[in-house]
Amino acid sequence: MRNRIQGIKLFGSILALFIVLGAVAAVSGGGRWSGFDPEVFINNDKFNVYIEWPEEDTCLIDGLVDVNFWYPSNRDSSVTEAVLEMESDATFPCDHSSNSSLIDDNGNIHVLTKTDLKEGNNSDPNQGGVLVDVKVNTSEQTTVRVYLYHNSQALDADGKPVGSPVQVCEGFSDDFVSCGPYRFGGEGNGSPYDAGDSSEKPKELSDDDEDEDDD
């Protein structure tokens, strides 16, 4: 079974990049945020890791967006497949000068994710579920938010997965922002846990942010 998962991980790493337009969403205080999301399947369960940052800081990005996606070990769960369904390759306009090497001659910046699937083991704190580590590489530090969505079936008008995220985390660029672990389950959907493990609440950012997300 381990060889099968390793083979699937290799298959996921050579999938063609899925090109998307960068999403922009309004948030509290009149600010706007830009973002995108790679997509991973664990058995039949889909996970979107939506990553966002302040729109005005988009042109500070000067490297790949690193995503480490930890999933339960097949030794301790019923996980049989781990597939990187799509990376994200997004284009955003840059309306001010920047030294980023990612900006083309037309003033657009091209931002890509690099997602690594990692199988948990008994020494990992994420042994009981899914955990993601995200690092946005920038020339100057900015705020980064990470949303983990489970089995979202569509995108909204801003390009964000529809539904409530199961994890919401916040940190800073140039360092890993960790989200999870999230224990998931449900009979018949290929999940490695019982349905009783799926009641974990998402981590809240702040009262203002929670109110804005409800609007």
C-alpha atoms as a PDB file:
ATOM      1  CA  MET A   1       0.000   0.000   0.000  1.00  0.00           C
ATOM      2  CA  ARG A   2       2.899   2.357   0.765  1.00  0.00           C
ATOM      3  CA  ASN A   3       4.307   1.839  -2.733  1.00  0.00           C
ATOM      4  CA  ARG A   4       0.931   2.751  -4.185  1.00  0.00           C
ATOM      5  CA  ILE A   5       0.802   6.011  -2.273  1.00  0.00           C
ATOM      6  CA  GLN A   6       4.363   6.866  -3.233  1.00  0.00           C
ATOM      7  CA  GLY A   7       3.475   6.231  -6.869  1.00  0.00           C
ATOM      8  CA  ILE A   8       0.450   8.478  -6.627  1.00  0.00           C
ATOM      9  CA  LYS A   9       2.539  11.206  -5.014  1.00  0.00           C
ATOM     10  CA  LEU A  10       4.969  11.006  -7.933  1.00  0.00           C
ATOM     11  CA  PHE A  11       2.079  11.162 -10.387  1.00  0.00           C
ATOM     12  CA  GLY A  12       0.744  14.242  -8.626  1.00  0.00           C
ATOM     13  CA  SER A  13       4.094  16.003  -8.829  1.00  0.00           C
ATOM     14  CA  ILE A  14       4.166  15.828 -12.638  1.00  0.00           C
ATOM     15  CA  LEU A  15       0.603  16.962 -13.324  1.00  0.00           C
ATOM     16  CA  ALA A  16       0.291  19.974 -15.600  1.00  0.00           C
ATOM     17  CA  LEU A  17      -0.257  23.240 -13.761  1.00  0.00           C
ATOM     18  CA  PHE A  18      -3.836  24.464 -13.729  1.00  0.00           C
ATOM     19  CA  ILE A  19      -3.813  28.121 -14.750  1.00  0.00           C
ATOM     20  CA  VAL A  20      -6.287  30.374 -12.964  1.00  0.00           C
ATOM     21  CA  LEU A  21      -6.933  34.067 -12.626  1.00  0.00           C
ATOM     22  CA  GLY A  22      -5.965  35.528  -9.290  1.00  0.00           C
ATOM     23  CA  ALA A  23      -8.944  36.005  -7.011  1.00  0.00           C
ATOM     24  CA  VAL A  24      -9.598  39.286  -5.236  1.00  0.00           C
ATOM     25  CA  ALA A  25     -11.948  39.464  -2.248  1.00  0.00           C
ATOM     26  CA  ALA A  26     -13.040  42.420  -0.126  1.00  0.00           C
ATOM     27  CA  VAL A  27     -12.418  42.223   3.610  1.00  0.00           C
ATOM     28  CA  SER A  28     -12.883  44.376   6.691  1.00  0.00           C
ATOM     29  CA  GLY A  29     -11.457  47.885   6.910  1.00  0.00           C
ATOM     30  CA  GLY A  30     -11.821  48.537   3.190  1.00  0.00           C
ATOM     31  CA  GLY A  31      -8.804  46.386   2.337  1.00  0.00           C
ATOM     32  CA  ARG A  32      -8.720  43.839  -0.452  1.00  0.00           C
ATOM     33  CA  TRP A  33      -6.992  40.476  -0.537  1.00  0.00           C
ATOM     34  CA  SER A  34      -5.651  38.378  -3.398  1.00  0.00           C
ATOM     35  CA  GLY A  35      -5.250  34.617  -3.411  1.00  0.00           C
ATOM     36  CA  PHE A  36      -5.453  31.191  -5.037  1.00  0.00           C
ATOM     37  CA  ASP A  37      -5.577  27.533  -4.053  1.00  0.00           C
ATOM     38  CA  PRO A  38      -3.960  24.196  -4.904  1.00  0.00           C
ATOM     39  CA  GLU A  39      -6.212  21.125  -4.682  1.00  0.00           C
ATOM     40  CA  VAL A  40      -5.499  17.735  -3.099  1.00  0.00           C
ATOM     41  CA  PHE A  41      -7.517  14.506  -2.919  1.00  0.00           C
ATOM     42  CA  ILE A  42      -7.175  12.107   0.015  1.00  0.00           C
ATOM     43  CA  ASN A  43      -9.078   8.989  -1.062  1.00  0.00           C
ATOM     44  CA  ASN A  44     -12.327  10.563  -2.330  1.00  0.00           C
ATOM     45  CA  ASP A  45     -12.110  13.680  -0.147  1.00  0.00           C
ATOM     46  CA  LYS A  46     -11.159  16.966  -1.801  1.00  0.00           C
ATOM     47  CA  PHE A  47      -9.140  19.608   0.025  1.00  0.00           C
ATOM     48  CA  ASN A  48      -8.514  23.150  -1.198  1.00  0.00           C
ATOM     49  CA  VAL A  49      -5.735  25.130   0.467  1.00  0.00           C
ATOM     50  CA  TYR A  50      -6.745  28.730  -0.224  1.00  0.00           C
ATOM     51  CA  ILE A  51      -3.886  31.176   0.387  1.00  0.00           C
ATOM     52  CA  GLU A  52      -4.350  34.938   0.438  1.00  0.00           C
ATOM     53  CA  TRP A  53      -2.430  38.144   1.175  1.00  0.00           C
ATOM     54  CA  PRO A  54      -3.215  41.904   1.004  1.00  0.00           C
ATOM     55  CA  GLU A  55      -3.756  42.903  -2.611  1.00  0.00           C
ATOM     56  CA  GLU A  56      -1.379  45.856  -2.374  1.00  0.00           C
ATOM     57  CA  ASP A  57       1.443  43.485  -1.371  1.00  0.00           C
ATOM     58  CA  THR A  58       1.051  41.069  -4.297  1.00  0.00           C
ATOM     59  CA  CYS A  59       4.042  42.515  -6.150  1.00  0.00           C
ATOM     60  CA  LEU A  60       6.277  41.819  -3.140  1.00  0.00           C
ATOM     61  CA  ILE A  61       6.098  38.079  -3.896  1.00  0.00           C
ATOM     62  CA  ASP A  62       9.454  36.991  -5.286  1.00  0.00           C
ATOM     63  CA  GLY A  63       9.341  33.201  -5.330  1.00  0.00           C
ATOM     64  CA  LEU A  64       7.214  30.086  -5.248  1.00  0.00           C
ATOM     65  CA  VAL A  65       4.455  29.726  -2.657  1.00  0.00           C
ATOM     66  CA  ASP A  66       5.527  26.614  -0.744  1.00  0.00           C
ATOM     67  CA  VAL A  67       2.775  24.279   0.493  1.00  0.00           C
ATOM     68  CA  ASN A  68       3.433  21.178   2.623  1.00  0.00           C
ATOM     69  CA  PHE A  69       0.298  19.046   2.819  1.00  0.00           C
ATOM     70  CA  TRP A  70       0.513  16.402   5.563  1.00  0.00           C
ATOM     71  CA  TYR A  71      -1.971  13.539   5.494  1.00  0.00           C
ATOM     72  CA  PRO A  72      -2.490  10.529   7.803  1.00  0.00           C
ATOM     73  CA  SER A  73      -0.177   7.561   7.515  1.00  0.00           C
ATOM     74  CA  ASN A  74      -1.755   4.520   5.857  1.00  0.00           C
ATOM     75  CA  ARG A  75      -0.461   2.482   8.805  1.00  0.00           C
ATOM     76  CA  ASP A  76      -2.897   4.221  11.142  1.00  0.00           C
ATOM     77  CA  SER A  77      -5.853   5.019   8.867  1.00  0.00           C
ATOM     78  CA  SER A  78      -7.671   3.822   5.763  1.00  0.00           C
ATOM     79  CA  VAL A  79      -5.862   6.263   3.441  1.00  0.00           C
ATOM     80  CA  THR A  80      -5.053   4.524   0.155  1.00  0.00           C
ATOM     81  CA  GLU A  81      -4.684   7.487  -2.213  1.00  0.00           C
ATOM     82  CA  ALA A  82      -3.037  10.904  -1.942  1.00  0.00           C
ATOM     83  CA  VAL A  83      -3.233  12.886  -5.186  1.00  0.00           C
ATOM     84  CA  LEU A  84      -2.121  16.403  -5.997  1.00  0.00           C
ATOM     85  CA  GLU A  85      -4.998  17.244  -8.343  1.00  0.00           C
ATOM     86  CA  MET A  86      -3.785  20.719  -9.309  1.00  0.00           C
ATOM     87  CA  GLU A  87      -1.218  23.367  -8.527  1.00  0.00           C
ATOM     88  CA  SER A  88      -2.082  27.047  -8.894  1.00  0.00           C
ATOM     89  CA  ASP A  89      -0.511  29.381 -11.434  1.00  0.00           C
ATOM     90  CA  ALA A  90      -2.070  32.814 -11.066  1.00  0.00           C
ATOM     91  CA  THR A  91      -1.517  36.165 -12.784  1.00  0.00           C
ATOM     92  CA  PHE A  92      -2.001  39.479 -10.998  1.00  0.00           C
ATOM     93  CA  PRO A  93      -1.506  43.039 -12.290  1.00  0.00           C
ATOM     94  CA  CYS A  94       1.263  45.146 -10.748  1.00  0.00           C
ATOM     95  CA  ASP A  95       0.519  48.871 -10.814  1.00  0.00           C
ATOM     96  CA  HIS A  96       3.677  50.003  -9.052  1.00  0.00           C
ATOM     97  CA  SER A  97       7.387  49.406  -9.370  1.00  0.00           C
ATOM     98  CA  SER A  98       8.810  46.220  -7.927  1.00  0.00           C
ATOM     99  CA  ASN A  99      12.087  44.355  -8.069  1.00  0.00           C
ATOM    100  CA  SER A 100      10.374  40.967  -8.198  1.00  0.00           C
ATOM    101  CA  SER A 101      11.773  38.695 -10.897  1.00  0.00           C
ATOM    102  CA  LEU A 102       8.277  37.285 -11.399  1.00  0.00           C
ATOM    103  CA  ILE A 103       6.965  40.430 -13.150  1.00  0.00           C
ATOM    104  CA  ASP A 104       6.786  40.276 -16.954  1.00  0.00           C
ATOM    105  CA  ASP A 105       7.169  43.045 -19.538  1.00  0.00           C
ATOM    106  CA  ASN A 106       3.432  43.768 -19.389  1.00  0.00           C
ATOM    107  CA  GLY A 107       3.506  44.583 -15.691  1.00  0.00           C
ATOM    108  CA  ASN A 108       1.902  41.312 -14.564  1.00  0.00           C
ATOM    109  CA  ILE A 109       3.258  39.073 -11.821  1.00  0.00           C
ATOM    110  CA  HIS A 110       3.002  35.283 -12.161  1.00  0.00           C
ATOM    111  CA  VAL A 111       2.710  33.436  -8.854  1.00  0.00           C
ATOM    112  CA  LEU A 112       2.906  29.639  -8.577  1.00  0.00           C
ATOM    113  CA  THR A 113       2.430  27.139  -5.785  1.00  0.00           C
ATOM    114  CA  LYS A 114       4.763  24.235  -5.122  1.00  0.00           C
ATOM    115  CA  THR A 115       2.828  21.593  -3.166  1.00  0.00           C
ATOM    116  CA  ASP A 116       4.526  18.629  -1.525  1.00  0.00           C
ATOM    117  CA  LEU A 117       2.430  15.736  -0.213  1.00  0.00           C
ATOM    118  CA  LYS A 118       3.862  14.323   3.002  1.00  0.00           C
ATOM    119  CA  GLU A 119       2.742  11.161   4.751  1.00  0.00           C
ATOM    120  CA  GLY A 120       2.499  11.378   8.536  1.00  0.00           C
ATOM    121  CA  ASN A 121       4.174   9.004  10.957  1.00  0.00           C
ATOM    122  CA  ASN A 122       4.052   8.342  14.667  1.00  0.00           C
ATOM    123  CA  SER A 123       6.444  11.214  15.440  1.00  0.00           C
ATOM    124  CA  ASP A 124       4.377  13.836  13.597  1.00  0.00           C
ATOM    125  CA  PRO A 125       1.961  16.087  15.514  1.00  0.00           C
ATOM    126  CA  ASN A 126      -0.465  15.899  12.567  1.00  0.00           C
ATOM    127  CA  GLN A 127      -0.822  12.117  12.913  1.00  0.00           C
ATOM    128  CA  GLY A 128      -4.526  12.479  13.657  1.00  0.00           C
ATOM    129  CA  GLY A 129      -5.521  14.349  10.506  1.00  0.00           C
ATOM    130  CA  VAL A 130      -4.638  16.797   7.734  1.00  0.00           C
ATOM    131  CA  LEU A 131      -2.194  19.627   8.397  1.00  0.00           C
ATOM    132  CA  VAL A 132      -0.883  22.257   5.979  1.00  0.00           C
ATOM    133  CA  ASP A 133       2.208  24.476   6.190  1.00  0.00           C
ATOM    134  CA  VAL A 134       2.278  27.441   3.792  1.00  0.00           C
ATOM    135  CA  LYS A 135       5.128  29.863   3.101  1.00  0.00           C
ATOM    136  CA  VAL A 136       4.706  32.903   0.832  1.00  0.00           C
ATOM    137  CA  ASN A 137       8.147  34.181  -0.166  1.00  0.00           C
ATOM    138  CA  THR A 138       8.285  37.994  -0.348  1.00  0.00           C
ATOM    139  CA  SER A 139      10.854  40.802  -0.475  1.00  0.00           C
ATOM    140  CA  GLU A 140       9.121  42.497   2.475  1.00  0.00           C
ATOM    141  CA  GLN A 141       7.032  40.894   5.205  1.00  0.00           C
ATOM    142  CA  THR A 142       3.256  40.893   4.822  1.00  0.00           C
ATOM    143  CA  THR A 143       0.262  39.119   6.339  1.00  0.00           C
ATOM    144  CA  VAL A 144      -0.761  35.700   5.041  1.00  0.00           C
ATOM    145  CA  ARG A 145      -4.015  33.835   5.625  1.00  0.00           C
ATOM    146  CA  VAL A 146      -4.593  30.139   4.974  1.00  0.00           C
ATOM    147  CA  TYR A 147      -8.050  28.564   4.593  1.00  0.00           C
ATOM    148  CA  LEU A 148      -8.512  24.793   4.450  1.00  0.00           C
ATOM    149  CA  TYR A 149     -11.697  23.691   2.664  1.00  0.00           C
ATOM    150  CA  HIS A 150     -13.054  20.136   2.738  1.00  0.00           C
ATOM    151  CA  ASN A 151     -15.199  18.875  -0.168  1.00  0.00           C
ATOM    152  CA  SER A 152     -16.104  22.300  -1.539  1.00  0.00           C
ATOM    153  CA  GLN A 153     -17.870  21.772  -4.863  1.00  0.00           C
ATOM    154  CA  ALA A 154     -17.554  25.185  -6.532  1.00  0.00           C
ATOM    155  CA  LEU A 155     -15.928  28.613  -6.481  1.00  0.00           C
ATOM    156  CA  ASP A 156     -17.676  31.865  -5.649  1.00  0.00           C
ATOM    157  CA  ALA A 157     -17.541  35.067  -7.714  1.00  0.00           C
ATOM    158  CA  ASP A 158     -14.190  35.981  -6.132  1.00  0.00           C
ATOM    159  CA  GLY A 159     -12.665  32.599  -6.974  1.00  0.00           C
ATOM    160  CA  LYS A 160     -12.778  31.283  -3.410  1.00  0.00           C
ATOM    161  CA  PRO A 161     -14.116  27.791  -2.600  1.00  0.00           C
ATOM    162  CA  VAL A 162     -17.799  27.836  -1.646  1.00  0.00           C
ATOM    163  CA  GLY A 163     -18.744  26.944   1.919  1.00  0.00           C
ATOM    164  CA  SER A 164     -17.183  27.383   5.332  1.00  0.00           C
ATOM    165  CA  PRO A 165     -13.494  26.533   5.771  1.00  0.00           C
ATOM    166  CA  VAL A 166     -12.685  23.857   8.332  1.00  0.00           C
ATOM    167  CA  GLN A 167      -9.487  25.669   9.320  1.00  0.00           C
ATOM    168  CA  VAL A 168      -8.545  29.355   9.146  1.00  0.00           C
ATOM    169  CA  CYS A 169      -5.052  30.485  10.135  1.00  0.00           C
ATOM    170  CA  GLU A 170      -3.016  33.684   9.931  1.00  0.00           C
ATOM    171  CA  GLY A 171       0.680  34.509  10.030  1.00  0.00           C
ATOM    172  CA  PHE A 172       3.400  36.311   8.094  1.00  0.00           C
ATOM    173  CA  SER A 173       5.217  35.798   4.819  1.00  0.00           C
ATOM    174  CA  ASP A 174       8.743  34.364   4.701  1.00  0.00           C
ATOM    175  CA  ASP A 175       7.773  31.933   7.451  1.00  0.00           C
ATOM    176  CA  PHE A 176       5.521  28.880   7.461  1.00  0.00           C
ATOM    177  CA  VAL A 177       1.904  29.383   8.525  1.00  0.00           C
ATOM    178  CA  SER A 178       0.558  26.101   9.964  1.00  0.00           C
ATOM    179  CA  CYS A 179      -3.106  25.103   9.824  1.00  0.00           C
ATOM    180  CA  GLY A 180      -4.485  21.992  11.505  1.00  0.00           C
ATOM    181  CA  PRO A 181      -4.564  19.202  12.205  1.00  0.00           C
ATOM    182  CA  TYR A 182      -8.092  18.670  10.923  1.00  0.00           C
ATOM    183  CA  ARG A 183      -9.681  15.288  11.549  1.00  0.00           C
ATOM    184  CA  PHE A 184     -12.258  14.409   8.948  1.00  0.00           C
ATOM    185  CA  GLY A 185     -14.627  11.529   8.336  1.00  0.00           C
ATOM    186  CA  GLY A 186     -17.929  10.296   7.021  1.00  0.00           C
ATOM    187  CA  GLU A 187     -19.082   6.857   6.027  1.00  0.00           C
ATOM    188  CA  GLY A 188     -19.022   6.224   2.311  1.00  0.00           C
ATOM    189  CA  ASN A 189     -16.769   9.108   1.250  1.00  0.00           C
ATOM    190  CA  GLY A 190     -13.426   7.378   1.550  1.00  0.00           C
ATOM    191  CA  SER A 191     -12.409   9.214   4.719  1.00  0.00           C
ATOM    192  CA  PRO A 192     -10.010   7.519   7.136  1.00  0.00           C
ATOM    193  CA  TYR A 193     -11.914   8.466  10.297  1.00  0.00           C
ATOM    194  CA  ASP A 194     -15.335   7.966  11.834  1.00  0.00           C
ATOM    195  CA  ALA A 195     -17.909  10.689  11.295  1.00  0.00           C
ATOM    196  CA  GLY A 196     -17.654  11.619  14.951  1.00  0.00           C
ATOM    197  CA  ASP A 197     -14.181  13.036  14.315  1.00  0.00           C
ATOM    198  CA  SER A 198     -15.404  15.665  11.845  1.00  0.00           C
ATOM    199  CA  SER A 199     -16.811  18.175  14.338  1.00  0.00           C
ATOM    200  CA  GLU A 200     -13.629  20.208  14.833  1.00  0.00           C
ATOM    201  CA  LYS A 201     -14.233  23.966  14.607  1.00  0.00           C
ATOM    202  CA  PRO A 202     -12.085  26.216  12.420  1.00  0.00           C
ATOM    203  CA  LYS A 203      -9.566  28.450  14.142  1.00  0.00           C
ATOM    204  CA  GLU A 204     -10.916  32.005  14.314  1.00  0.00           C
ATOM    205  CA  LEU A 205      -8.906  35.036  13.201  1.00  0.00           C
ATOM    206  CA  SER A 206     -10.778  37.791  15.037  1.00  0.00           C
ATOM    207  CA  ASP A 207     -14.319  38.906  15.738  1.00  0.00           C
ATOM    208  CA  ASP A 208     -14.164  41.494  12.917  1.00  0.00           C
ATOM    209  CA  ASP A 209     -12.950  38.962  10.377  1.00  0.00           C
ATOM    210  CA  GLU A 210     -15.586  36.430  11.411  1.00  0.00           C
ATOM    211  CA  ASP A 211     -18.348  39.046  11.014  1.00  0.00           C
ATOM    212  CA  GLU A 212     -17.041  40.002   7.583  1.00  0.00           C
ATOM    213  CA  ASP A 213     -16.917  36.391   6.386  1.00  0.00           C
ATOM    214  CA  ASP A 214     -20.565  35.955   7.368  1.00  0.00           C
ATOM    215  CA  ASP A 215     -21.657  38.857   5.115  1.00  0.00           C
END
